[in-house]
């Protein structure tokens, strides 16, 4: 299958690399020579011409920043989308918005994350039935897929799309705490990563509430309860809840801004 990835940034380039490994004929687009070289380095055809990419593809992944979507669409005549399977990985942009300017195509949204770099992305997918199998196969090669209703995509973007950044911040905090307590950074960092992997498997195997695993570690007047007291006093859990809520709102805001921009441009085009 011939495939185009419009926007070979971080996620786009990971999708390109994975798709090439699956045997897709891939053309990837970018605006800078550095981006085009990244496309070339993983065995795909590079181009700065989005129109050329869409023309030759049966499957199109839109991986530009949401604020660049309007400019991208203006480069592609509407009739070129007909019959293609189109997947957007743009944060916040709803299928309803895509359908206003991408006519007669099989539309999907996907939200993977950067763990695709190690084939461990956790990807949300939503869309119709036509083309569903190929979309599922495409993203399954990056990790694990979850088919969800579209109303969950914004919170998925916050929790899972942005999640690796939040977890990385937490990891850095734990490591710095160990360094402050006398442990060499390289040992602390490696040990924390091992602990996180083990904890994740423990929680998955346990299948109960994570508090139950927490309580198994917490003994009277011990080290764990002393640390948990600090977490409660500093409002760490409340801050994490607010983090996801705030990021979810931002995903929704992005979608509304793009939808309004597309609606306004369509009105102006019809008026002219």
C-alpha atoms as a PDB file:
ATOM      1  CA  UNK A   1       0.000   0.000   0.000  1.00  0.00           C
ATOM      2  CA  UNK A   2       1.186   3.502  -0.831  1.00  0.00           C
ATOM      3  CA  UNK A   3       1.123   5.785   2.160  1.00  0.00           C
ATOM      4  CA  UNK A   4       1.815   9.459   2.849  1.00  0.00           C
ATOM      5  CA  UNK A   5       2.742  10.978   6.192  1.00  0.00           C
ATOM      6  CA  UNK A   6       2.206  14.726   6.119  1.00  0.00           C
ATOM      7  CA  UNK A   7       4.531  16.182   8.719  1.00  0.00           C
ATOM      8  CA  UNK A   8       7.552  14.093   9.719  1.00  0.00           C
ATOM      9  CA  UNK A   9       8.037  15.521  13.190  1.00  0.00           C
ATOM     10  CA  UNK A  10       8.569  13.356  16.269  1.00  0.00           C
ATOM     11  CA  UNK A  11       5.435  11.225  15.952  1.00  0.00           C
ATOM     12  CA  UNK A  12       5.291  11.427  12.160  1.00  0.00           C
ATOM     13  CA  UNK A  13       8.825  10.110  11.765  1.00  0.00           C
ATOM     14  CA  UNK A  14       8.125   7.228  14.144  1.00  0.00           C
ATOM     15  CA  UNK A  15       5.049   6.297  12.095  1.00  0.00           C
ATOM     16  CA  UNK A  16       7.142   6.460   8.921  1.00  0.00           C
ATOM     17  CA  UNK A  17       9.858   4.225  10.359  1.00  0.00           C
ATOM     18  CA  UNK A  18       7.321   1.669  11.537  1.00  0.00           C
ATOM     19  CA  UNK A  19       5.381   1.724   8.259  1.00  0.00           C
ATOM     20  CA  UNK A  20       8.516   1.187   6.179  1.00  0.00           C
ATOM     21  CA  UNK A  21       9.367  -1.832   8.338  1.00  0.00           C
ATOM     22  CA  UNK A  22       5.916  -3.245   7.527  1.00  0.00           C
ATOM     23  CA  UNK A  23       6.499  -2.964   3.795  1.00  0.00           C
ATOM     24  CA  UNK A  24       4.450   0.164   3.079  1.00  0.00           C
ATOM     25  CA  UNK A  25       5.671   2.435   0.285  1.00  0.00           C
ATOM     26  CA  UNK A  26       5.938   5.653   2.248  1.00  0.00           C
ATOM     27  CA  UNK A  27       6.378   9.255   1.223  1.00  0.00           C
ATOM     28  CA  UNK A  28       6.947  11.696   4.073  1.00  0.00           C
ATOM     29  CA  UNK A  29       6.742  15.483   3.998  1.00  0.00           C
ATOM     30  CA  UNK A  30       8.615  18.174   5.855  1.00  0.00           C
ATOM     31  CA  UNK A  31       9.514  21.826   5.551  1.00  0.00           C
ATOM     32  CA  UNK A  32      13.168  21.706   6.596  1.00  0.00           C
ATOM     33  CA  UNK A  33      16.094  19.828   5.117  1.00  0.00           C
ATOM     34  CA  UNK A  34      16.687  18.250   8.517  1.00  0.00           C
ATOM     35  CA  UNK A  35      13.184  16.785   8.513  1.00  0.00           C
ATOM     36  CA  UNK A  36      13.530  15.540   4.946  1.00  0.00           C
ATOM     37  CA  UNK A  37      16.829  13.873   5.823  1.00  0.00           C
ATOM     38  CA  UNK A  38      15.079  12.146   8.730  1.00  0.00           C
ATOM     39  CA  UNK A  39      12.507  10.760   6.281  1.00  0.00           C
ATOM     40  CA  UNK A  40      15.240   9.621   3.907  1.00  0.00           C
ATOM     41  CA  UNK A  41      17.230   7.963   6.693  1.00  0.00           C
ATOM     42  CA  UNK A  42      14.438   5.507   7.517  1.00  0.00           C
ATOM     43  CA  UNK A  43      13.923   4.418   3.911  1.00  0.00           C
ATOM     44  CA  UNK A  44      10.991   6.598   2.868  1.00  0.00           C
ATOM     45  CA  UNK A  45      10.731   9.106   0.044  1.00  0.00           C
ATOM     46  CA  UNK A  46      11.117  12.689   1.257  1.00  0.00           C
ATOM     47  CA  UNK A  47       9.320  15.681  -0.228  1.00  0.00           C
ATOM     48  CA  UNK A  48       8.286  19.184   0.755  1.00  0.00           C
ATOM     49  CA  UNK A  49       5.268  18.901  -1.572  1.00  0.00           C
ATOM     50  CA  UNK A  50       2.155  17.817   0.345  1.00  0.00           C
ATOM     51  CA  UNK A  51       0.096  17.774  -2.838  1.00  0.00           C
ATOM     52  CA  UNK A  52       2.476  15.296  -4.461  1.00  0.00           C
ATOM     53  CA  UNK A  53       2.353  13.097  -1.350  1.00  0.00           C
ATOM     54  CA  UNK A  54      -1.445  12.954  -1.228  1.00  0.00           C
ATOM     55  CA  UNK A  55      -1.763  12.326  -4.964  1.00  0.00           C
ATOM     56  CA  UNK A  56       0.205   9.087  -4.859  1.00  0.00           C
ATOM     57  CA  UNK A  57      -1.162   7.674  -1.583  1.00  0.00           C
ATOM     58  CA  UNK A  58      -4.068   5.423  -0.657  1.00  0.00           C
ATOM     59  CA  UNK A  59      -3.504   5.965   3.072  1.00  0.00           C
ATOM     60  CA  UNK A  60      -2.687   9.431   4.436  1.00  0.00           C
ATOM     61  CA  UNK A  61      -1.568  10.273   7.970  1.00  0.00           C
ATOM     62  CA  UNK A  62      -1.847  13.955   8.910  1.00  0.00           C
ATOM     63  CA  UNK A  63       0.812  14.646  11.515  1.00  0.00           C
ATOM     64  CA  UNK A  64       1.261  18.412  11.302  1.00  0.00           C
ATOM     65  CA  UNK A  65       0.734  20.717  14.257  1.00  0.00           C
ATOM     66  CA  UNK A  66      -2.970  21.603  14.605  1.00  0.00           C
ATOM     67  CA  UNK A  67      -2.320  25.273  13.873  1.00  0.00           C
ATOM     68  CA  UNK A  68      -0.800  24.295  10.507  1.00  0.00           C
ATOM     69  CA  UNK A  69      -3.766  22.185   9.415  1.00  0.00           C
ATOM     70  CA  UNK A  70      -5.589  25.032   7.676  1.00  0.00           C
ATOM     71  CA  UNK A  71      -2.528  25.883   5.564  1.00  0.00           C
ATOM     72  CA  UNK A  72      -2.075  22.208   4.663  1.00  0.00           C
ATOM     73  CA  UNK A  73      -5.658  21.780   3.516  1.00  0.00           C
ATOM     74  CA  UNK A  74      -5.393  24.763   1.185  1.00  0.00           C
ATOM     75  CA  UNK A  75      -2.628  22.922  -0.701  1.00  0.00           C
ATOM     76  CA  UNK A  76      -4.810  19.903  -1.506  1.00  0.00           C
ATOM     77  CA  UNK A  77      -7.778  20.047  -3.946  1.00  0.00           C
ATOM     78  CA  UNK A  78     -10.806  18.512  -2.248  1.00  0.00           C
ATOM     79  CA  UNK A  79     -11.348  15.881  -4.961  1.00  0.00           C
ATOM     80  CA  UNK A  80      -7.955  14.299  -4.211  1.00  0.00           C
ATOM     81  CA  UNK A  81      -9.165  12.998  -0.830  1.00  0.00           C
ATOM     82  CA  UNK A  82     -11.969  10.920  -2.328  1.00  0.00           C
ATOM     83  CA  UNK A  83     -11.776   7.226  -1.452  1.00  0.00           C
ATOM     84  CA  UNK A  84      -8.624   7.546   0.641  1.00  0.00           C
ATOM     85  CA  UNK A  85      -8.201   6.468   4.238  1.00  0.00           C
ATOM     86  CA  UNK A  86      -7.089   9.506   6.233  1.00  0.00           C
ATOM     87  CA  UNK A  87      -5.805   9.384   9.804  1.00  0.00           C
ATOM     88  CA  UNK A  88      -5.215  12.526  11.858  1.00  0.00           C
ATOM     89  CA  UNK A  89      -2.835  12.473  14.809  1.00  0.00           C
ATOM     90  CA  UNK A  90      -3.431  16.183  15.480  1.00  0.00           C
ATOM     91  CA  UNK A  91      -4.373  16.976  19.063  1.00  0.00           C
ATOM     92  CA  UNK A  92      -7.932  18.173  19.552  1.00  0.00           C
ATOM     93  CA  UNK A  93      -9.057  18.235  15.904  1.00  0.00           C
ATOM     94  CA  UNK A  94     -12.342  16.376  15.701  1.00  0.00           C
ATOM     95  CA  UNK A  95     -13.530  14.156  12.861  1.00  0.00           C
ATOM     96  CA  UNK A  96     -16.418  16.588  12.378  1.00  0.00           C
ATOM     97  CA  UNK A  97     -13.859  19.306  11.630  1.00  0.00           C
ATOM     98  CA  UNK A  98     -11.850  17.057   9.303  1.00  0.00           C
ATOM     99  CA  UNK A  99     -15.012  16.172   7.385  1.00  0.00           C
ATOM    100  CA  UNK A 100     -15.680  19.823   6.552  1.00  0.00           C
ATOM    101  CA  UNK A 101     -12.612  19.972   4.312  1.00  0.00           C
ATOM    102  CA  UNK A 102     -11.693  16.332   3.597  1.00  0.00           C
ATOM    103  CA  UNK A 103     -14.610  15.084   1.538  1.00  0.00           C
ATOM    104  CA  UNK A 104     -15.587  11.485   0.712  1.00  0.00           C
ATOM    105  CA  UNK A 105     -12.676   9.934   2.636  1.00  0.00           C
ATOM    106  CA  UNK A 106     -12.554   7.323   5.394  1.00  0.00           C
ATOM    107  CA  UNK A 107     -11.685   9.476   8.407  1.00  0.00           C
ATOM    108  CA  UNK A 108      -9.947   8.379  11.598  1.00  0.00           C
ATOM    109  CA  UNK A 109      -8.185   9.947  14.543  1.00  0.00           C
ATOM    110  CA  UNK A 110      -5.227   8.432  16.353  1.00  0.00           C
ATOM    111  CA  UNK A 111      -3.331   9.541  19.431  1.00  0.00           C
ATOM    112  CA  UNK A 112      -0.115   7.566  19.938  1.00  0.00           C
ATOM    113  CA  UNK A 113       2.794   8.659  22.123  1.00  0.00           C
ATOM    114  CA  UNK A 114       6.576   8.837  21.891  1.00  0.00           C
ATOM    115  CA  UNK A 115       6.974   5.373  23.378  1.00  0.00           C
ATOM    116  CA  UNK A 116       6.484   4.283  19.779  1.00  0.00           C
ATOM    117  CA  UNK A 117      10.255   4.796  19.607  1.00  0.00           C
ATOM    118  CA  UNK A 118      10.608   1.468  21.472  1.00  0.00           C
ATOM    119  CA  UNK A 119       7.444  -0.083  19.960  1.00  0.00           C
ATOM    120  CA  UNK A 120       5.520   0.530  23.188  1.00  0.00           C
ATOM    121  CA  UNK A 121       3.128   3.301  22.203  1.00  0.00           C
ATOM    122  CA  UNK A 122      -0.319   3.272  23.770  1.00  0.00           C
ATOM    123  CA  UNK A 123      -2.561   4.504  20.969  1.00  0.00           C
ATOM    124  CA  UNK A 124      -6.199   5.568  20.989  1.00  0.00           C
ATOM    125  CA  UNK A 125      -8.090   5.142  17.706  1.00  0.00           C
ATOM    126  CA  UNK A 126     -11.530   6.303  16.662  1.00  0.00           C
ATOM    127  CA  UNK A 127     -13.378   6.483  13.353  1.00  0.00           C
ATOM    128  CA  UNK A 128     -15.590   4.560  10.985  1.00  0.00           C
ATOM    129  CA  UNK A 129     -15.546   1.004   9.675  1.00  0.00           C
ATOM    130  CA  UNK A 130     -14.186   1.349   6.125  1.00  0.00           C
ATOM    131  CA  UNK A 131     -10.391   1.235   6.384  1.00  0.00           C
ATOM    132  CA  UNK A 132     -10.467   0.256  10.056  1.00  0.00           C
ATOM    133  CA  UNK A 133      -8.375  -2.901   9.644  1.00  0.00           C
ATOM    134  CA  UNK A 134      -5.467  -1.187   7.934  1.00  0.00           C
ATOM    135  CA  UNK A 135      -5.474   1.634  10.492  1.00  0.00           C
ATOM    136  CA  UNK A 136      -5.492  -0.880  13.346  1.00  0.00           C
ATOM    137  CA  UNK A 137      -2.598  -2.802  11.783  1.00  0.00           C
ATOM    138  CA  UNK A 138      -0.615   0.365  11.147  1.00  0.00           C
ATOM    139  CA  UNK A 139      -0.692   1.516  14.772  1.00  0.00           C
ATOM    140  CA  UNK A 140      -0.492  -1.940  16.325  1.00  0.00           C
ATOM    141  CA  UNK A 141       3.032  -2.110  14.943  1.00  0.00           C
ATOM    142  CA  UNK A 142       3.854   0.803  17.264  1.00  0.00           C
ATOM    143  CA  UNK A 143       2.503  -0.840  20.410  1.00  0.00           C
ATOM    144  CA  UNK A 144      -0.961  -1.326  21.913  1.00  0.00           C
ATOM    145  CA  UNK A 145      -4.224   0.000  20.419  1.00  0.00           C
ATOM    146  CA  UNK A 146      -7.408   1.047  22.186  1.00  0.00           C
ATOM    147  CA  UNK A 147     -10.493   1.789  20.076  1.00  0.00           C
ATOM    148  CA  UNK A 148     -12.440   4.465  21.943  1.00  0.00           C
ATOM    149  CA  UNK A 149     -15.324   6.850  21.346  1.00  0.00           C
ATOM    150  CA  UNK A 150     -14.225  10.264  20.142  1.00  0.00           C
ATOM    151  CA  UNK A 151     -15.372  12.027  23.300  1.00  0.00           C
ATOM    152  CA  UNK A 152     -12.429  10.373  25.105  1.00  0.00           C
ATOM    153  CA  UNK A 153      -9.759  11.616  22.700  1.00  0.00           C
ATOM    154  CA  UNK A 154      -9.002  14.900  24.471  1.00  0.00           C
ATOM    155  CA  UNK A 155      -8.433  13.300  27.856  1.00  0.00           C
ATOM    156  CA  UNK A 156      -6.443  10.530  26.133  1.00  0.00           C
ATOM    157  CA  UNK A 157      -4.251  13.213  24.590  1.00  0.00           C
ATOM    158  CA  UNK A 158      -3.615  14.643  28.059  1.00  0.00           C
ATOM    159  CA  UNK A 159      -3.162  11.365  29.925  1.00  0.00           C
ATOM    160  CA  UNK A 160      -1.386   9.203  27.343  1.00  0.00           C
ATOM    161  CA  UNK A 161      -0.168  11.537  24.604  1.00  0.00           C
ATOM    162  CA  UNK A 162       1.419  13.955  27.087  1.00  0.00           C
ATOM    163  CA  UNK A 163       1.871  11.299  29.772  1.00  0.00           C
ATOM    164  CA  UNK A 164       5.491  10.395  28.958  1.00  0.00           C
ATOM    165  CA  UNK A 165       6.468  14.024  29.647  1.00  0.00           C
ATOM    166  CA  UNK A 166       4.690  14.023  33.003  1.00  0.00           C
ATOM    167  CA  UNK A 167       6.178  10.689  34.037  1.00  0.00           C
ATOM    168  CA  UNK A 168       9.633  11.877  32.965  1.00  0.00           C
ATOM    169  CA  UNK A 169       9.263  14.871  35.278  1.00  0.00           C
ATOM    170  CA  UNK A 170       8.306  12.574  38.144  1.00  0.00           C
ATOM    171  CA  UNK A 171      11.259  10.289  37.401  1.00  0.00           C
ATOM    172  CA  UNK A 172      13.629  13.256  37.418  1.00  0.00           C
ATOM    173  CA  UNK A 173      12.254  14.376  40.773  1.00  0.00           C
ATOM    174  CA  UNK A 174      12.752  10.934  42.311  1.00  0.00           C
ATOM    175  CA  UNK A 175      16.275  10.711  40.946  1.00  0.00           C
ATOM    176  CA  UNK A 176      17.195  14.175  42.212  1.00  0.00           C
ATOM    177  CA  UNK A 177      15.872  13.196  45.625  1.00  0.00           C
ATOM    178  CA  UNK A 178      18.192  10.177  45.602  1.00  0.00           C
ATOM    179  CA  UNK A 179      21.130  12.343  44.498  1.00  0.00           C
ATOM    180  CA  UNK A 180      20.373  14.799  47.316  1.00  0.00           C
ATOM    181  CA  UNK A 181      20.490  11.832  49.681  1.00  0.00           C
ATOM    182  CA  UNK A 182      23.907  10.681  48.466  1.00  0.00           C
ATOM    183  CA  UNK A 183      23.257   8.209  45.620  1.00  0.00           C
ATOM    184  CA  UNK A 184      25.123   8.586  42.303  1.00  0.00           C
ATOM    185  CA  UNK A 185      22.758   9.792  39.580  1.00  0.00           C
ATOM    186  CA  UNK A 186      23.458   6.978  37.103  1.00  0.00           C
ATOM    187  CA  UNK A 187      22.635   4.317  39.682  1.00  0.00           C
ATOM    188  CA  UNK A 188      19.510   6.133  40.863  1.00  0.00           C
ATOM    189  CA  UNK A 189      18.253   6.686  37.310  1.00  0.00           C
ATOM    190  CA  UNK A 190      18.683   3.073  36.230  1.00  0.00           C
ATOM    191  CA  UNK A 191      17.164   1.769  39.462  1.00  0.00           C
ATOM    192  CA  UNK A 192      14.129   4.074  39.212  1.00  0.00           C
ATOM    193  CA  UNK A 193      13.423   2.894  35.669  1.00  0.00           C
ATOM    194  CA  UNK A 194      13.627  -0.734  36.794  1.00  0.00           C
ATOM    195  CA  UNK A 195      11.345   0.042  39.735  1.00  0.00           C
ATOM    196  CA  UNK A 196       8.780   1.721  37.454  1.00  0.00           C
ATOM    197  CA  UNK A 197       8.729  -1.236  35.073  1.00  0.00           C
ATOM    198  CA  UNK A 198       8.331  -3.657  37.973  1.00  0.00           C
ATOM    199  CA  UNK A 199       5.634  -1.557  39.622  1.00  0.00           C
ATOM    200  CA  UNK A 200       3.670  -1.364  36.371  1.00  0.00           C
ATOM    201  CA  UNK A 201       3.758  -5.147  35.999  1.00  0.00           C
ATOM    202  CA  UNK A 202       2.863  -5.591  39.664  1.00  0.00           C
ATOM    203  CA  UNK A 203      -0.154  -3.292  39.311  1.00  0.00           C
ATOM    204  CA  UNK A 204      -1.256  -5.027  36.099  1.00  0.00           C
ATOM    205  CA  UNK A 205      -0.996  -8.438  37.767  1.00  0.00           C
ATOM    206  CA  UNK A 206      -2.696  -7.244  40.965  1.00  0.00           C
ATOM    207  CA  UNK A 207      -5.745  -5.902  39.064  1.00  0.00           C
ATOM    208  CA  UNK A 208      -7.068  -4.190  42.173  1.00  0.00           C
ATOM    209  CA  UNK A 209      -6.882  -0.547  43.239  1.00  0.00           C
ATOM    210  CA  UNK A 210      -3.309   0.828  43.281  1.00  0.00           C
ATOM    211  CA  UNK A 211      -3.844   1.911  46.885  1.00  0.00           C
ATOM    212  CA  UNK A 212      -3.797  -1.773  47.849  1.00  0.00           C
ATOM    213  CA  UNK A 213      -0.264  -2.146  46.472  1.00  0.00           C
ATOM    214  CA  UNK A 214       0.700   1.083  48.231  1.00  0.00           C
ATOM    215  CA  UNK A 215      -0.594  -0.240  51.539  1.00  0.00           C
ATOM    216  CA  UNK A 216       1.405  -3.444  51.146  1.00  0.00           C
ATOM    217  CA  UNK A 217       4.572  -1.314  51.297  1.00  0.00           C
ATOM    218  CA  UNK A 218       3.437   0.986  54.087  1.00  0.00           C
ATOM    219  CA  UNK A 219       4.357  -0.149  57.592  1.00  0.00           C
ATOM    220  CA  UNK A 220       3.713   1.716  60.859  1.00  0.00           C
ATOM    221  CA  UNK A 221       6.290   4.456  61.522  1.00  0.00           C
ATOM    222  CA  UNK A 222       8.314   3.289  58.502  1.00  0.00           C
ATOM    223  CA  UNK A 223      10.046   5.057  55.629  1.00  0.00           C
ATOM    224  CA  UNK A 224       7.119   4.792  53.215  1.00  0.00           C
ATOM    225  CA  UNK A 225       4.574   6.512  55.445  1.00  0.00           C
ATOM    226  CA  UNK A 226       7.064   9.301  56.089  1.00  0.00           C
ATOM    227  CA  UNK A 227       7.368   9.893  52.348  1.00  0.00           C
ATOM    228  CA  UNK A 228       3.622   9.555  51.768  1.00  0.00           C
ATOM    229  CA  UNK A 229       3.036  12.217  54.402  1.00  0.00           C
ATOM    230  CA  UNK A 230       5.129  14.647  52.352  1.00  0.00           C
ATOM    231  CA  UNK A 231       3.186  13.747  49.198  1.00  0.00           C
ATOM    232  CA  UNK A 232      -0.057  14.531  51.003  1.00  0.00           C
ATOM    233  CA  UNK A 233       1.243  17.757  52.557  1.00  0.00           C
ATOM    234  CA  UNK A 234       2.554  19.048  49.218  1.00  0.00           C
ATOM    235  CA  UNK A 235      -0.607  18.096  47.342  1.00  0.00           C
ATOM    236  CA  UNK A 236       1.208  15.943  44.787  1.00  0.00           C
ATOM    237  CA  UNK A 237      -1.843  13.840  43.926  1.00  0.00           C
ATOM    238  CA  UNK A 238      -4.053  16.907  43.593  1.00  0.00           C
ATOM    239  CA  UNK A 239      -1.430  18.469  41.318  1.00  0.00           C
ATOM    240  CA  UNK A 240      -1.435  15.384  39.090  1.00  0.00           C
ATOM    241  CA  UNK A 241      -5.228  15.468  38.846  1.00  0.00           C
ATOM    242  CA  UNK A 242      -5.101  19.146  37.911  1.00  0.00           C
ATOM    243  CA  UNK A 243      -2.353  18.433  35.378  1.00  0.00           C
ATOM    244  CA  UNK A 244      -4.565  16.024  33.435  1.00  0.00           C
ATOM    245  CA  UNK A 245      -7.608  18.280  33.697  1.00  0.00           C
ATOM    246  CA  UNK A 246      -5.668  21.294  32.439  1.00  0.00           C
ATOM    247  CA  UNK A 247      -4.086  19.373  29.562  1.00  0.00           C
ATOM    248  CA  UNK A 248      -7.490  17.965  28.588  1.00  0.00           C
ATOM    249  CA  UNK A 249      -8.953  21.462  28.450  1.00  0.00           C
ATOM    250  CA  UNK A 250      -6.078  22.587  26.236  1.00  0.00           C
ATOM    251  CA  UNK A 251      -6.692  19.734  23.788  1.00  0.00           C
ATOM    252  CA  UNK A 252     -10.348  20.742  23.613  1.00  0.00           C
ATOM    253  CA  UNK A 253      -9.411  24.414  23.128  1.00  0.00           C
ATOM    254  CA  UNK A 254      -7.100  23.544  20.238  1.00  0.00           C
ATOM    255  CA  UNK A 255      -9.894  21.646  18.531  1.00  0.00           C
ATOM    256  CA  UNK A 256     -12.349  24.523  18.928  1.00  0.00           C
ATOM    257  CA  UNK A 257      -9.852  27.061  17.576  1.00  0.00           C
ATOM    258  CA  UNK A 258      -9.113  24.942  14.501  1.00  0.00           C
ATOM    259  CA  UNK A 259     -12.795  24.227  13.890  1.00  0.00           C
ATOM    260  CA  UNK A 260     -13.647  27.927  14.068  1.00  0.00           C
ATOM    261  CA  UNK A 261     -10.789  28.786  11.695  1.00  0.00           C
ATOM    262  CA  UNK A 262     -11.904  26.151   9.181  1.00  0.00           C
ATOM    263  CA  UNK A 263     -15.538  27.274   9.441  1.00  0.00           C
ATOM    264  CA  UNK A 264     -14.544  30.905   8.891  1.00  0.00           C
ATOM    265  CA  UNK A 265     -12.387  30.075   5.862  1.00  0.00           C
ATOM    266  CA  UNK A 266     -15.141  27.982   4.292  1.00  0.00           C
ATOM    267  CA  UNK A 267     -17.588  30.868   4.770  1.00  0.00           C
ATOM    268  CA  UNK A 268     -15.122  33.317   3.198  1.00  0.00           C
ATOM    269  CA  UNK A 269     -14.444  30.997   0.250  1.00  0.00           C
ATOM    270  CA  UNK A 270     -18.149  30.587  -0.419  1.00  0.00           C
ATOM    271  CA  UNK A 271     -18.612  34.305  -0.135  1.00  0.00           C
ATOM    272  CA  UNK A 272     -15.964  34.989  -2.748  1.00  0.00           C
END
